[in-house]
Every structure is written in C-alpha cells, then in structure tokens.
C-alpha cells in the first residue's frame, strides 16, 4: 500500500467492513475491529458508530482496520 510506505508524517486510517454490510441489520451498539473476514457482517449504524468513535478517540494510526459486529 502506498500510504504505508510513504515517507510522510501524515496520520491516516482506512476503515472498512471486515466482510460486508448487513443492510437489514439494526444497531446493536457493539462492534469489534478485525482483519478481513468474508463471512463477517456489520450494520450500517454500527459501522457509523465505529467511525465516529475513531474520530472522537483515535486508537489506530497509519493502518487499515475492518469493523464487524
């Protein structure tokens, strides 16, 4: 990945579902970060909460994280 090898002080984060969105899912209020897992699902609401939590309290830096329920 270009960002990982870039010689810059830029702090970046790529956030994606670990597998796919559960389009019919409802907000559970719980999520975990994980590596890629094609069988994993996360509701759009829980994904949004994970994204906002990371903005409010950054815990990951210069990384790609997956989010699953």
N, C-alpha and C. Protein backbone atom coordinates (compact mmCIF):
# COMPACT_ATOMS: atom_id res chain seq x y z
N UNK A 1 0.84 -1.17 0.00
CA UNK A 1 0.00 0.00 0.00
C UNK A 1 0.89 1.24 0.00
N UNK A 2 0.54 2.18 -0.80
CA UNK A 2 1.33 3.40 -0.96
C UNK A 2 1.42 4.18 0.34
N UNK A 3 0.33 4.28 1.06
CA UNK A 3 0.34 5.06 2.31
C UNK A 3 1.29 4.48 3.34
N UNK A 4 1.36 3.17 3.45
CA UNK A 4 2.22 2.54 4.46
C UNK A 4 3.69 2.81 4.19
N UNK A 5 4.07 2.94 2.95
CA UNK A 5 5.48 3.13 2.63
C UNK A 5 5.84 4.59 2.39
N UNK A 6 4.87 5.49 2.45
CA UNK A 6 5.13 6.91 2.21
C UNK A 6 5.95 7.51 3.34
N UNK A 7 6.92 8.31 2.97
CA UNK A 7 7.76 8.99 3.95
C UNK A 7 7.11 10.33 4.29
N UNK A 8 6.07 10.27 5.10
CA UNK A 8 5.33 11.46 5.48
C UNK A 8 4.85 11.34 6.92
N UNK A 9 4.61 12.47 7.53
CA UNK A 9 4.09 12.48 8.90
C UNK A 9 2.57 12.41 8.92
N UNK A 10 1.96 12.33 7.77
CA UNK A 10 0.51 12.26 7.66
C UNK A 10 -0.04 11.08 8.44
N UNK A 11 -0.99 11.33 9.30
CA UNK A 11 -1.66 10.26 10.05
C UNK A 11 -2.92 9.89 9.28
N UNK A 12 -3.03 8.64 8.87
CA UNK A 12 -4.16 8.20 8.05
C UNK A 12 -4.76 6.93 8.63
N UNK A 13 -5.99 6.67 8.23
CA UNK A 13 -6.68 5.45 8.65
C UNK A 13 -7.69 5.09 7.58
N UNK A 14 -7.71 3.83 7.18
CA UNK A 14 -8.72 3.30 6.26
C UNK A 14 -9.63 2.41 7.09
N UNK A 15 -10.92 2.70 7.06
CA UNK A 15 -11.91 1.92 7.82
C UNK A 15 -12.88 1.29 6.83
N UNK A 16 -13.06 -0.01 6.93
CA UNK A 16 -13.99 -0.71 6.05
C UNK A 16 -14.66 -1.83 6.83
N UNK A 17 -15.77 -2.36 6.31
CA UNK A 17 -16.35 -3.54 6.96
C UNK A 17 -15.35 -4.69 6.85
N UNK A 18 -15.26 -5.52 7.87
CA UNK A 18 -14.37 -6.68 7.80
C UNK A 18 -14.83 -7.63 6.71
N UNK A 19 -16.14 -7.68 6.49
CA UNK A 19 -16.71 -8.52 5.44
C UNK A 19 -17.61 -7.69 4.55
N UNK A 20 -18.83 -7.50 4.98
CA UNK A 20 -19.80 -6.73 4.21
C UNK A 20 -20.80 -6.08 5.17
N UNK A 21 -21.60 -5.18 4.64
CA UNK A 21 -22.65 -4.57 5.43
C UNK A 21 -23.84 -5.51 5.54
N UNK A 22 -24.46 -5.49 6.70
CA UNK A 22 -25.74 -6.17 6.91
C UNK A 22 -26.80 -5.10 6.69
N UNK A 23 -27.29 -5.00 5.47
CA UNK A 23 -28.19 -3.92 5.10
C UNK A 23 -29.52 -3.96 5.85
N UNK A 24 -29.91 -5.11 6.33
CA UNK A 24 -31.16 -5.25 7.08
C UNK A 24 -30.92 -5.18 8.58
N UNK A 25 -29.65 -5.12 8.99
CA UNK A 25 -29.32 -5.15 10.41
C UNK A 25 -29.69 -3.87 11.13
N UNK A 26 -29.91 -4.00 12.42
CA UNK A 26 -30.21 -2.85 13.26
C UNK A 26 -29.01 -2.56 14.14
N UNK A 27 -29.01 -1.41 14.74
CA UNK A 27 -27.89 -1.02 15.60
C UNK A 27 -27.86 -1.87 16.86
N UNK A 28 -26.71 -2.50 17.10
CA UNK A 28 -26.55 -3.30 18.31
C UNK A 28 -25.79 -2.52 19.37
N UNK A 29 -25.04 -1.50 18.93
CA UNK A 29 -24.23 -0.74 19.88
C UNK A 29 -22.91 -1.40 20.18
N UNK A 30 -22.62 -2.52 19.52
CA UNK A 30 -21.36 -3.24 19.75
C UNK A 30 -20.70 -3.52 18.41
N UNK A 31 -19.39 -3.44 18.42
CA UNK A 31 -18.60 -3.77 17.24
C UNK A 31 -17.18 -4.10 17.69
N UNK A 32 -16.44 -4.74 16.84
CA UNK A 32 -15.02 -5.00 17.08
C UNK A 32 -14.26 -4.67 15.81
N UNK A 33 -12.98 -4.43 15.97
CA UNK A 33 -12.14 -4.26 14.80
C UNK A 33 -11.48 -5.61 14.52
N UNK A 34 -11.31 -5.91 13.26
CA UNK A 34 -10.82 -7.22 12.88
C UNK A 34 -10.13 -7.15 11.52
N UNK A 35 -9.46 -8.22 11.18
CA UNK A 35 -8.90 -8.34 9.84
C UNK A 35 -10.01 -8.77 8.89
N UNK A 36 -9.68 -8.94 7.66
CA UNK A 36 -10.67 -9.32 6.66
C UNK A 36 -11.28 -10.68 6.99
N UNK A 37 -12.61 -10.75 6.93
CA UNK A 37 -13.36 -11.99 7.13
C UNK A 37 -14.60 -11.90 6.26
N UNK A 38 -14.60 -12.60 5.15
CA UNK A 38 -15.69 -12.50 4.18
C UNK A 38 -17.05 -12.83 4.79
N UNK A 39 -17.09 -13.62 5.85
CA UNK A 39 -18.36 -14.01 6.47
C UNK A 39 -18.85 -12.98 7.50
N UNK A 40 -18.01 -12.02 7.87
CA UNK A 40 -18.37 -11.04 8.89
C UNK A 40 -19.37 -10.03 8.34
N UNK A 41 -20.23 -9.54 9.20
CA UNK A 41 -21.22 -8.53 8.84
C UNK A 41 -21.25 -7.45 9.91
N UNK A 42 -21.62 -6.25 9.50
CA UNK A 42 -21.83 -5.15 10.42
C UNK A 42 -22.95 -4.30 9.88
N UNK A 43 -23.83 -3.85 10.76
CA UNK A 43 -24.93 -2.98 10.30
C UNK A 43 -24.35 -1.61 9.95
N UNK A 44 -25.05 -0.90 9.11
CA UNK A 44 -24.61 0.45 8.72
C UNK A 44 -24.55 1.35 9.95
N UNK A 45 -25.48 1.19 10.87
CA UNK A 45 -25.50 2.01 12.09
C UNK A 45 -24.29 1.73 12.97
N UNK A 46 -23.95 0.46 13.17
CA UNK A 46 -22.79 0.11 13.99
C UNK A 46 -21.49 0.56 13.32
N UNK A 47 -21.43 0.47 11.99
CA UNK A 47 -20.25 0.94 11.27
C UNK A 47 -20.08 2.45 11.47
N UNK A 48 -21.18 3.19 11.40
CA UNK A 48 -21.13 4.64 11.60
C UNK A 48 -20.64 4.98 13.00
N UNK A 49 -21.10 4.23 14.00
CA UNK A 49 -20.66 4.46 15.38
C UNK A 49 -19.17 4.19 15.50
N UNK A 50 -18.69 3.12 14.88
CA UNK A 50 -17.26 2.79 14.91
C UNK A 50 -16.44 3.92 14.29
N UNK A 51 -16.92 4.44 13.19
CA UNK A 51 -16.22 5.54 12.51
C UNK A 51 -16.18 6.79 13.40
N UNK A 52 -17.31 7.13 14.00
CA UNK A 52 -17.35 8.30 14.88
C UNK A 52 -16.50 8.11 16.14
N UNK A 53 -16.51 6.89 16.69
CA UNK A 53 -15.66 6.62 17.86
C UNK A 53 -14.18 6.82 17.51
N UNK A 54 -13.79 6.40 16.33
CA UNK A 54 -12.39 6.54 15.92
C UNK A 54 -12.03 8.01 15.70
N UNK A 55 -12.97 8.80 15.23
CA UNK A 55 -12.73 10.24 15.07
C UNK A 55 -12.61 10.91 16.44
N UNK A 56 -13.52 10.58 17.35
CA UNK A 56 -13.52 11.18 18.69
C UNK A 56 -12.30 10.77 19.51
N UNK A 57 -11.96 9.48 19.46
CA UNK A 57 -10.85 8.93 20.23
C UNK A 57 -10.02 8.03 19.33
N UNK A 58 -9.07 8.61 18.60
CA UNK A 58 -8.26 7.80 17.68
C UNK A 58 -7.46 6.73 18.41
N UNK A 59 -7.63 5.49 17.99
CA UNK A 59 -6.88 4.37 18.58
C UNK A 59 -5.99 3.68 17.56
N UNK A 60 -6.22 3.96 16.30
CA UNK A 60 -5.44 3.33 15.23
C UNK A 60 -4.79 4.42 14.39
N UNK A 61 -3.58 4.18 13.98
CA UNK A 61 -2.84 5.17 13.20
C UNK A 61 -2.09 4.46 12.08
N UNK A 62 -2.13 5.08 10.90
CA UNK A 62 -1.41 4.54 9.74
C UNK A 62 -1.73 3.06 9.54
N UNK A 63 -3.02 2.76 9.46
CA UNK A 63 -3.46 1.36 9.37
C UNK A 63 -4.77 1.24 8.59
N UNK A 64 -5.10 0.03 8.24
CA UNK A 64 -6.38 -0.32 7.64
C UNK A 64 -7.06 -1.27 8.62
N UNK A 65 -8.24 -0.89 9.09
CA UNK A 65 -8.97 -1.75 10.03
C UNK A 65 -10.31 -2.15 9.44
N UNK A 66 -10.75 -3.32 9.81
CA UNK A 66 -12.07 -3.80 9.44
C UNK A 66 -12.97 -3.74 10.67
N UNK A 67 -14.24 -3.52 10.46
CA UNK A 67 -15.22 -3.43 11.54
C UNK A 67 -16.24 -4.54 11.37
N UNK A 68 -16.53 -5.25 12.45
CA UNK A 68 -17.57 -6.30 12.40
C UNK A 68 -18.37 -6.24 13.68
N UNK A 69 -19.59 -6.79 13.60
CA UNK A 69 -20.46 -6.82 14.78
C UNK A 69 -20.13 -8.02 15.64
